[in-house]
Amino acid sequence: MAGDYHRGEMDISEQAATFAAFNGMTKWGSLGVAVLLLFITLLFCTPTGFIGSAIAAVVLLAAGIFFLRDKPVPAH
């Protein structure tokens, strides 16, 4: 069995797709948790109130989307 392996001949498209999906879920899930945590913390632990907490959460969400979006790959 080990002799059947030939380096570089395996189709890795499924592994690459799974890796990309995992990275995407991790990236966007982390942003969602951070936004929710900021909102709840400001709402319950400061006198900011609902509107102030929501504004801060939306600002963090917008900044996160801006910085975490996929960037185009420059051509060589």
C-alpha atoms as a PDB file:
ATOM      1  CA  MET A   1       0.000   0.000   0.000  1.00  0.00           C
ATOM      2  CA  ALA A   2       2.687   2.514   0.904  1.00  0.00           C
ATOM      3  CA  GLY A   3       4.412   1.829  -2.402  1.00  0.00           C
ATOM      4  CA  ASP A   4       1.276   2.970  -4.299  1.00  0.00           C
ATOM      5  CA  TYR A   5       1.746   6.561  -3.177  1.00  0.00           C
ATOM      6  CA  HIS A   6       3.312   8.940  -5.697  1.00  0.00           C
ATOM      7  CA  ARG A   7       4.030  12.446  -4.470  1.00  0.00           C
ATOM      8  CA  GLY A   8       2.098  15.171  -6.297  1.00  0.00           C
ATOM      9  CA  GLU A   9      -0.305  12.915  -8.185  1.00  0.00           C
ATOM     10  CA  MET A  10      -3.302  13.072  -5.839  1.00  0.00           C
ATOM     11  CA  ASP A  11      -6.318  15.270  -6.607  1.00  0.00           C
ATOM     12  CA  ILE A  12      -6.545  17.648  -3.658  1.00  0.00           C
ATOM     13  CA  SER A  13      -9.480  19.785  -4.819  1.00  0.00           C
ATOM     14  CA  GLU A  14     -11.770  18.460  -2.055  1.00  0.00           C
ATOM     15  CA  GLN A  15      -9.154  19.055   0.634  1.00  0.00           C
ATOM     16  CA  ALA A  16      -8.523  22.576  -0.688  1.00  0.00           C
ATOM     17  CA  ALA A  17     -12.263  23.314  -0.703  1.00  0.00           C
ATOM     18  CA  THR A  18     -12.636  21.990   2.849  1.00  0.00           C
ATOM     19  CA  PHE A  19      -9.666  24.052   4.026  1.00  0.00           C
ATOM     20  CA  ALA A  20     -11.097  27.203   2.414  1.00  0.00           C
ATOM     21  CA  ALA A  21     -14.526  26.556   3.964  1.00  0.00           C
ATOM     22  CA  PHE A  22     -13.020  25.979   7.400  1.00  0.00           C
ATOM     23  CA  ASN A  23     -10.986  29.186   7.156  1.00  0.00           C
ATOM     24  CA  GLY A  24     -14.054  31.135   6.060  1.00  0.00           C
ATOM     25  CA  MET A  25     -16.208  29.787   8.871  1.00  0.00           C
ATOM     26  CA  THR A  26     -13.480  30.504  11.401  1.00  0.00           C
ATOM     27  CA  LYS A  27     -12.937  34.045  10.125  1.00  0.00           C
ATOM     28  CA  TRP A  28     -16.581  35.088   9.884  1.00  0.00           C
ATOM     29  CA  GLY A  29     -17.627  33.154  12.990  1.00  0.00           C
ATOM     30  CA  SER A  30     -14.944  34.915  15.027  1.00  0.00           C
ATOM     31  CA  LEU A  31     -16.195  38.277  13.778  1.00  0.00           C
ATOM     32  CA  GLY A  32     -19.754  37.342  14.752  1.00  0.00           C
ATOM     33  CA  VAL A  33     -18.678  36.291  18.248  1.00  0.00           C
ATOM     34  CA  ALA A  34     -16.655  39.509  18.678  1.00  0.00           C
ATOM     35  CA  VAL A  35     -19.590  41.682  17.598  1.00  0.00           C
ATOM     36  CA  LEU A  36     -22.001  39.857  19.894  1.00  0.00           C
ATOM     37  CA  LEU A  37     -19.557  40.003  22.809  1.00  0.00           C
ATOM     38  CA  LEU A  38     -18.998  43.745  22.329  1.00  0.00           C
ATOM     39  CA  PHE A  39     -22.732  44.411  22.119  1.00  0.00           C
ATOM     40  CA  ILE A  40     -23.614  42.389  25.226  1.00  0.00           C
ATOM     41  CA  THR A  41     -20.677  43.772  27.233  1.00  0.00           C
ATOM     42  CA  LEU A  42     -21.540  47.378  26.435  1.00  0.00           C
ATOM     43  CA  LEU A  43     -25.242  46.778  27.011  1.00  0.00           C
ATOM     44  CA  PHE A  44     -24.960  45.180  30.427  1.00  0.00           C
ATOM     45  CA  CYS A  45     -21.686  46.508  31.867  1.00  0.00           C
ATOM     46  CA  THR A  46     -21.724  50.182  30.894  1.00  0.00           C
ATOM     47  CA  PRO A  47     -24.283  52.977  30.892  1.00  0.00           C
ATOM     48  CA  THR A  48     -24.126  53.089  27.071  1.00  0.00           C
ATOM     49  CA  GLY A  49     -27.618  51.698  26.576  1.00  0.00           C
ATOM     50  CA  PHE A  50     -29.064  49.748  23.694  1.00  0.00           C
ATOM     51  CA  ILE A  51     -28.549  52.338  20.972  1.00  0.00           C
ATOM     52  CA  GLY A  52     -24.914  53.043  21.885  1.00  0.00           C
ATOM     53  CA  SER A  53     -24.154  49.347  22.123  1.00  0.00           C
ATOM     54  CA  ALA A  54     -25.797  48.682  18.778  1.00  0.00           C
ATOM     55  CA  ILE A  55     -23.875  51.515  17.121  1.00  0.00           C
ATOM     56  CA  ALA A  56     -20.547  50.209  18.457  1.00  0.00           C
ATOM     57  CA  ALA A  57     -21.414  46.679  17.340  1.00  0.00           C
ATOM     58  CA  VAL A  58     -22.356  47.855  13.840  1.00  0.00           C
ATOM     59  CA  VAL A  59     -19.111  49.855  13.579  1.00  0.00           C
ATOM     60  CA  LEU A  60     -17.104  46.770  14.577  1.00  0.00           C
ATOM     61  CA  LEU A  61     -19.068  44.660  12.101  1.00  0.00           C
ATOM     62  CA  ALA A  62     -18.419  47.122   9.271  1.00  0.00           C
ATOM     63  CA  ALA A  63     -14.711  47.334  10.100  1.00  0.00           C
ATOM     64  CA  GLY A  64     -14.493  43.544  10.334  1.00  0.00           C
ATOM     65  CA  ILE A  65     -16.163  43.065   6.964  1.00  0.00           C
ATOM     66  CA  PHE A  66     -13.856  45.661   5.413  1.00  0.00           C
ATOM     67  CA  PHE A  67     -10.674  44.095   6.788  1.00  0.00           C
ATOM     68  CA  LEU A  68     -11.638  40.408   6.522  1.00  0.00           C
ATOM     69  CA  ARG A  69     -13.096  40.356   3.010  1.00  0.00           C
ATOM     70  CA  ASP A  70     -11.247  38.438   0.325  1.00  0.00           C
ATOM     71  CA  LYS A  71      -8.718  40.605  -1.444  1.00  0.00           C
ATOM     72  CA  PRO A  72      -8.016  40.175  -5.149  1.00  0.00           C
ATOM     73  CA  VAL A  73      -4.800  38.331  -5.890  1.00  0.00           C
ATOM     74  CA  PRO A  74      -2.377  40.519  -7.866  1.00  0.00           C
ATOM     75  CA  ALA A  75      -1.219  39.102 -11.179  1.00  0.00           C
ATOM     76  CA  HIS A  76       2.492  38.442 -11.569  1.00  0.00           C
END
